[in-house]
Protein backbone atom coordinates (compact mmCIF):
# COMPACT_ATOMS: atom_id res chain seq x y z
CA UNK A 1 1.61 -11.33 -16.97
CA UNK A 2 1.40 -11.00 -12.87
CA UNK A 3 5.28 -13.16 -13.31
CA UNK A 4 6.72 -10.56 -14.03
CA UNK A 5 5.54 -7.85 -12.29
CA UNK A 6 6.51 -9.65 -9.33
CA UNK A 7 9.69 -9.89 -10.56
CA UNK A 8 10.08 -6.51 -11.50
CA UNK A 9 8.87 -5.42 -8.20
CA UNK A 10 10.73 -7.44 -6.25
CA UNK A 11 13.97 -5.41 -8.44
CA UNK A 12 12.63 -1.86 -7.16
CA UNK A 13 11.94 -3.15 -3.45
CA UNK A 14 15.44 -4.44 -3.77
CA UNK A 15 17.26 -1.42 -5.18
CA UNK A 16 15.13 1.71 -3.22
CA UNK A 17 13.97 -0.07 -0.03
CA UNK A 18 12.35 0.66 2.58
CA UNK A 19 11.50 4.22 0.35
CA UNK A 20 8.71 1.77 -1.69
CA UNK A 21 7.03 1.01 0.86
CA UNK A 22 3.75 2.33 -0.23
CA UNK A 23 4.13 1.99 -3.77
CA UNK A 24 5.01 -1.55 -2.98
CA UNK A 25 1.94 -2.27 -0.62
CA UNK A 26 -0.47 -1.30 -3.17
CA UNK A 27 1.68 -3.79 -5.95
CA UNK A 28 0.94 -6.96 -3.41
CA UNK A 29 -2.66 -5.79 -3.43
CA UNK A 30 -3.78 -5.06 -6.90
CA UNK A 31 -1.85 -9.00 -7.19
CA UNK A 32 -4.33 -10.38 -5.20
CA UNK A 33 -1.97 -9.72 -1.43
CA UNK A 34 -4.25 -8.19 0.81
CA UNK A 35 -1.73 -9.39 4.13
CA UNK A 36 1.76 -8.19 2.41
CA UNK A 37 -0.01 -5.12 1.69
CA UNK A 38 -1.05 -4.21 4.38
CA UNK A 39 2.93 -5.65 6.43
CA UNK A 40 3.66 -2.70 4.51
CA UNK A 41 1.44 -0.31 4.97
CA UNK A 42 2.25 -0.86 8.43
CA UNK A 43 5.37 -0.70 8.64
CA UNK A 44 5.41 2.92 5.97
CA UNK A 45 3.38 3.78 9.73
CA UNK A 46 5.69 2.65 12.11
CA UNK A 47 8.36 4.50 10.38
CA UNK A 48 6.20 7.67 9.42
CA UNK A 49 6.33 6.81 5.30
CA UNK A 50 4.95 9.89 4.82
CA UNK A 51 3.69 8.54 1.21
CA UNK A 52 0.61 7.49 3.65
CA UNK A 53 -1.40 10.50 3.29
CA UNK A 54 -1.19 10.81 -0.31
CA UNK A 55 -2.34 6.14 -1.03
CA UNK A 56 -5.80 7.15 -1.12
CA UNK A 57 -5.34 8.79 -3.86
CA UNK A 58 -5.36 6.32 -6.01
CA UNK A 59 -8.36 4.96 -6.52
CA UNK A 60 -8.39 1.34 -8.18
CA UNK A 61 -6.28 1.48 -4.53
CA UNK A 62 -8.50 2.39 -2.51
CA UNK A 63 -11.74 0.28 -4.29
CA UNK A 64 -8.28 -2.75 -3.65
CA UNK A 65 -8.98 -1.92 -0.27
CA UNK A 66 -11.45 -1.24 1.34
CA UNK A 67 -13.22 -3.82 2.99
CA UNK A 68 -10.13 -4.50 4.74
CA UNK A 69 -11.24 -3.56 7.95
CA UNK A 70 -6.88 -3.48 8.91
CA UNK A 71 -7.10 -0.38 5.67
CA UNK A 72 -8.79 1.48 7.35
CA UNK A 73 -8.51 1.31 10.04
CA UNK A 74 -4.85 2.87 9.49
CA UNK A 75 -6.50 5.15 7.14
CA UNK A 76 -8.85 5.88 10.05
CA UNK A 77 -5.65 5.99 12.35
CA UNK A 78 -4.08 8.41 9.42
CA UNK A 79 -7.29 10.96 9.55
CA UNK A 80 -7.73 10.06 6.16
CA UNK A 81 -11.50 8.69 6.05
CA UNK A 82 -13.25 11.11 3.91
CA UNK A 83 -13.64 10.40 0.62
CA UNK A 84 -11.24 9.34 -1.42
CA UNK A 85 -9.85 12.21 -3.52
């Protein structure tokens, strides 16, 4: 199942490229690859990706990432420090 998720998410990444960084970060976070998730979120931040404003709306994603100091630093930088929606 994990291999299938990786395969399908890679295909989405190839098809949509830069437009799905936050989505792809979620996939990597769910798969346990927080480092890759943070890399994608950082790239999205540098590109002023407005999808970042909604990342805390995904409670499961936020739950997976909330103990990651780099994620929380990004949350703070974006001004999203309140309780996840």
